[in-house]
C-alpha atoms as a PDB file:
ATOM      1  CA  LEU A   1     -54.219  41.504   6.930  1.00  0.00           C
ATOM      2  CA  VAL A   2     -51.277  43.800   6.386  1.00  0.00           C
ATOM      3  CA  GLY A   3     -47.571  44.047   7.093  1.00  0.00           C
ATOM      4  CA  ASP A   4     -46.010  46.481   9.527  1.00  0.00           C
ATOM      5  CA  ALA A   5     -43.856  48.517   7.120  1.00  0.00           C
ATOM      6  CA  PRO A   6     -43.932  52.298   7.033  1.00  0.00           C
ATOM      7  CA  GLY A   7     -45.695  53.775   4.004  1.00  0.00           C
ATOM      8  CA  VAL A   8     -48.656  51.914   2.522  1.00  0.00           C
ATOM      9  CA  ASP A   9     -48.903  49.377   5.371  1.00  0.00           C
ATOM     10  CA  ALA A  10     -48.929  52.166   7.948  1.00  0.00           C
ATOM     11  CA  HIS A  11     -51.570  54.058   5.975  1.00  0.00           C
ATOM     12  CA  VAL A  12     -53.798  50.966   5.798  1.00  0.00           C
ATOM     13  CA  ARG A  13     -53.461  50.575   9.560  1.00  0.00           C
ATOM     14  CA  VAL A  14     -54.433  54.215  10.204  1.00  0.00           C
ATOM     15  CA  CYS A  15     -57.433  53.933   7.863  1.00  0.00           C
ATOM     16  CA  ALA A  16     -58.563  50.681   9.482  1.00  0.00           C
ATOM     17  CA  GLU A  17     -58.418  52.345  12.894  1.00  0.00           C
ATOM     18  CA  ALA A  18     -60.342  55.420  11.677  1.00  0.00           C
ATOM     19  CA  LEU A  19     -63.043  53.185  10.178  1.00  0.00           C
ATOM     20  CA  SER A  20     -63.091  50.772  13.152  1.00  0.00           C
ATOM     21  CA  VAL A  21     -62.206  47.891  10.839  1.00  0.00           C
ATOM     22  CA  PRO A  22     -60.554  44.909  12.556  1.00  0.00           C
ATOM     23  CA  ILE A  23     -57.198  44.099  11.022  1.00  0.00           C
ATOM     24  CA  THR A  24     -54.383  41.599  11.519  1.00  0.00           C
ATOM     25  CA  VAL A  25     -50.889  43.074  11.374  1.00  0.00           C
ATOM     26  CA  TYR A  26     -47.889  40.848  10.700  1.00  0.00           C
ATOM     27  CA  GLY A  27     -44.445  41.622  12.117  1.00  0.00           C
ATOM     28  CA  ALA A  28     -41.083  39.879  11.875  1.00  0.00           C
ATOM     29  CA  TYR A  29     -37.891  39.469  13.880  1.00  0.00           C
ATOM     30  CA  GLY A  30     -40.015  39.096  17.022  1.00  0.00           C
ATOM     31  CA  ARG A  31     -41.367  42.635  16.960  1.00  0.00           C
ATOM     32  CA  LEU A  32     -43.985  44.910  15.449  1.00  0.00           C
ATOM     33  CA  ARG A  33     -42.896  48.181  13.850  1.00  0.00           C
ATOM     34  CA  GLY A  34     -45.050  51.091  14.951  1.00  0.00           C
ATOM     35  CA  ARG A  35     -47.521  51.196  17.802  1.00  0.00           C
ATOM     36  CA  ARG A  36     -50.249  48.605  18.153  1.00  0.00           C
ATOM     37  CA  ARG A  37     -53.712  50.013  17.632  1.00  0.00           C
ATOM     38  CA  SER A  38     -56.753  48.935  19.621  1.00  0.00           C
ATOM     39  CA  GLN A  39     -58.582  47.014  16.868  1.00  0.00           C
ATOM     40  CA  GLU A  40     -55.478  45.159  15.665  1.00  0.00           C
ATOM     41  CA  GLN A  41     -54.763  41.478  16.012  1.00  0.00           C
ATOM     42  CA  VAL A  42     -51.004  40.938  15.840  1.00  0.00           C
ATOM     43  CA  VAL A  43     -48.993  38.032  14.445  1.00  0.00           C
ATOM     44  CA  VAL A  44     -45.252  38.321  14.998  1.00  0.00           C
ATOM     45  CA  VAL A  45     -42.826  35.711  13.749  1.00  0.00           C
ATOM     46  CA  PRO A  46     -39.297  35.372  15.104  1.00  0.00           C
ATOM     47  CA  GLU A  47     -37.926  34.894  11.589  1.00  0.00           C
ATOM     48  CA  ALA A  48     -37.143  37.362   8.796  1.00  0.00           C
ATOM     49  CA  TYR A  49     -39.598  39.372   6.696  1.00  0.00           C
ATOM     50  CA  ALA A  50     -39.510  36.770   3.912  1.00  0.00           C
ATOM     51  CA  VAL A  51     -41.019  34.203   6.302  1.00  0.00           C
ATOM     52  CA  ARG A  52     -43.628  36.716   7.450  1.00  0.00           C
ATOM     53  CA  ASP A  53     -44.488  37.583   3.834  1.00  0.00           C
ATOM     54  CA  ARG A  54     -45.045  33.923   2.959  1.00  0.00           C
ATOM     55  CA  LEU A  55     -47.338  33.488   5.969  1.00  0.00           C
ATOM     56  CA  MET A  56     -49.333  36.525   4.851  1.00  0.00           C
ATOM     57  CA  ALA A  57     -49.650  35.108   1.318  1.00  0.00           C
ATOM     58  CA  GLN A  58     -50.830  31.787   2.739  1.00  0.00           C
ATOM     59  CA  ALA A  59     -53.380  33.477   5.031  1.00  0.00           C
ATOM     60  CA  CYS A  60     -54.948  35.827   2.495  1.00  0.00           C
ATOM     61  CA  ASP A  61     -57.956  35.171   0.280  1.00  0.00           C
ATOM     62  CA  LEU A  62     -57.017  37.998  -2.084  1.00  0.00           C
ATOM     63  CA  CYS A  63     -53.564  39.570  -2.358  1.00  0.00           C
ATOM     64  CA  VAL A  64     -53.668  43.295  -3.122  1.00  0.00           C
ATOM     65  CA  ALA A  65     -50.135  44.626  -3.499  1.00  0.00           C
ATOM     66  CA  VAL A  66     -49.199  48.283  -3.830  1.00  0.00           C
ATOM     67  CA  TRP A  67     -45.780  48.037  -5.452  1.00  0.00           C
ATOM     68  CA  ASN A  68     -43.229  50.695  -6.281  1.00  0.00           C
ATOM     69  CA  GLY A  69     -41.567  48.491  -8.893  1.00  0.00           C
ATOM     70  CA  ARG A  70     -38.485  47.988  -6.720  1.00  0.00           C
ATOM     71  CA  SER A  71     -39.464  46.262  -3.472  1.00  0.00           C
ATOM     72  CA  ARG A  72     -38.288  42.659  -3.600  1.00  0.00           C
ATOM     73  CA  GLY A  73     -40.420  41.779  -0.565  1.00  0.00           C
ATOM     74  CA  THR A  74     -43.656  42.999  -2.114  1.00  0.00           C
ATOM     75  CA  ARG A  75     -42.825  41.322  -5.407  1.00  0.00           C
ATOM     76  CA  SER A  76     -41.925  37.986  -3.842  1.00  0.00           C
ATOM     77  CA  THR A  77     -45.119  38.100  -1.757  1.00  0.00           C
ATOM     78  CA  PHE A  78     -47.496  38.629  -4.675  1.00  0.00           C
ATOM     79  CA  GLU A  79     -45.606  36.137  -6.862  1.00  0.00           C
ATOM     80  CA  TYR A  80     -45.818  33.540  -4.075  1.00  0.00           C
ATOM     81  CA  ALA A  81     -49.535  34.256  -3.571  1.00  0.00           C
ATOM     82  CA  ARG A  82     -50.083  33.712  -7.287  1.00  0.00           C
ATOM     83  CA  ARG A  83     -48.189  30.381  -7.137  1.00  0.00           C
ATOM     84  CA  LEU A  84     -50.538  29.371  -4.304  1.00  0.00           C
ATOM     85  CA  GLY A  85     -53.473  30.009  -6.626  1.00  0.00           C
ATOM     86  CA  LYS A  86     -54.610  33.164  -4.831  1.00  0.00           C
ATOM     87  CA  ARG A  87     -56.205  36.015  -6.742  1.00  0.00           C
ATOM     88  CA  VAL A  88     -53.630  38.819  -7.000  1.00  0.00           C
ATOM     89  CA  ILE A  89     -54.120  42.484  -7.799  1.00  0.00           C
ATOM     90  CA  VAL A  90     -50.998  44.602  -8.160  1.00  0.00           C
ATOM     91  CA  ARG A  91     -51.283  48.356  -8.031  1.00  0.00           C
ATOM     92  CA  ALA A  92     -48.060  49.734  -9.456  1.00  0.00           C
ATOM     93  CA  ASP A  93     -46.535  52.654 -11.291  1.00  0.00           C
ATOM     94  CA  PRO A  94     -46.100  51.310 -14.856  1.00  0.00           C
ATOM     95  CA  SER A  95     -43.137  53.621 -15.476  1.00  0.00           C
ATOM     96  CA  ARG A  96     -41.215  51.768 -12.760  1.00  0.00           C
ATOM     97  CA  VAL A  97     -42.460  48.187 -13.026  1.00  0.00           C
ATOM     98  CA  GLY A  98     -39.790  45.852 -14.351  1.00  0.00           C
ATOM     99  CA  GLY A  99     -37.616  48.732 -15.560  1.00  0.00           C
ATOM    100  CA  ARG A 100     -37.210  49.719 -19.214  1.00  0.00           C
ATOM    101  CA  GLY A 101     -40.820  48.842 -19.967  1.00  0.00           C
ATOM    102  CA  ARG A 102     -40.491  45.173 -18.979  1.00  0.00           C
ATOM    103  CA  SER A 103     -43.048  43.632 -16.666  1.00  0.00           C
ATOM    104  CA  PRO A 104     -42.121  41.026 -14.064  1.00  0.00           C
ATOM    105  CA  ARG A 105     -43.304  37.451 -14.537  1.00  0.00           C
ATOM    106  CA  GLY A 106     -47.064  37.217 -14.660  1.00  0.00           C
ATOM    107  CA  ILE A 107     -47.745  40.931 -14.318  1.00  0.00           C
ATOM    108  CA  GLY A 108     -49.446  42.092 -17.494  1.00  0.00           C
ATOM    109  CA  PRO A 109     -51.377  45.250 -18.303  1.00  0.00           C
ATOM    110  CA  SER A 110     -54.590  43.872 -16.780  1.00  0.00           C
ATOM    111  CA  ALA A 111     -52.884  43.307 -13.412  1.00  0.00           C
ATOM    112  CA  VAL A 112     -50.869  46.524 -13.290  1.00  0.00           C
ATOM    113  CA  ALA A 113     -52.646  49.825 -12.850  1.00  0.00           C
ATOM    114  CA  TRP A 114     -51.894  53.233 -11.442  1.00  0.00           C
END
């Protein structure tokens, strides 16, 4: 499952289509950003992205987050998944994560890689 944001989410969707991998895409505010691809299942919530992100964290078996060190949505999603007891892998640029060399709660060197 993946969100509908431009960037990494969009790239995952393109790769899934190219590999004929079924995927579930989550949208918010009653709409899906970008065009729907043939192999995609779509879940769209009428609420904000924070609600969508929590639903994605609840639905996943493993949370793999590609984080730029700034996105509050990505951070809140992987932190929530961790609180739910899900396995979480964060792929992040260590020069940006937490700012000034600090890591966010629960993100240590073994969880952060680039």
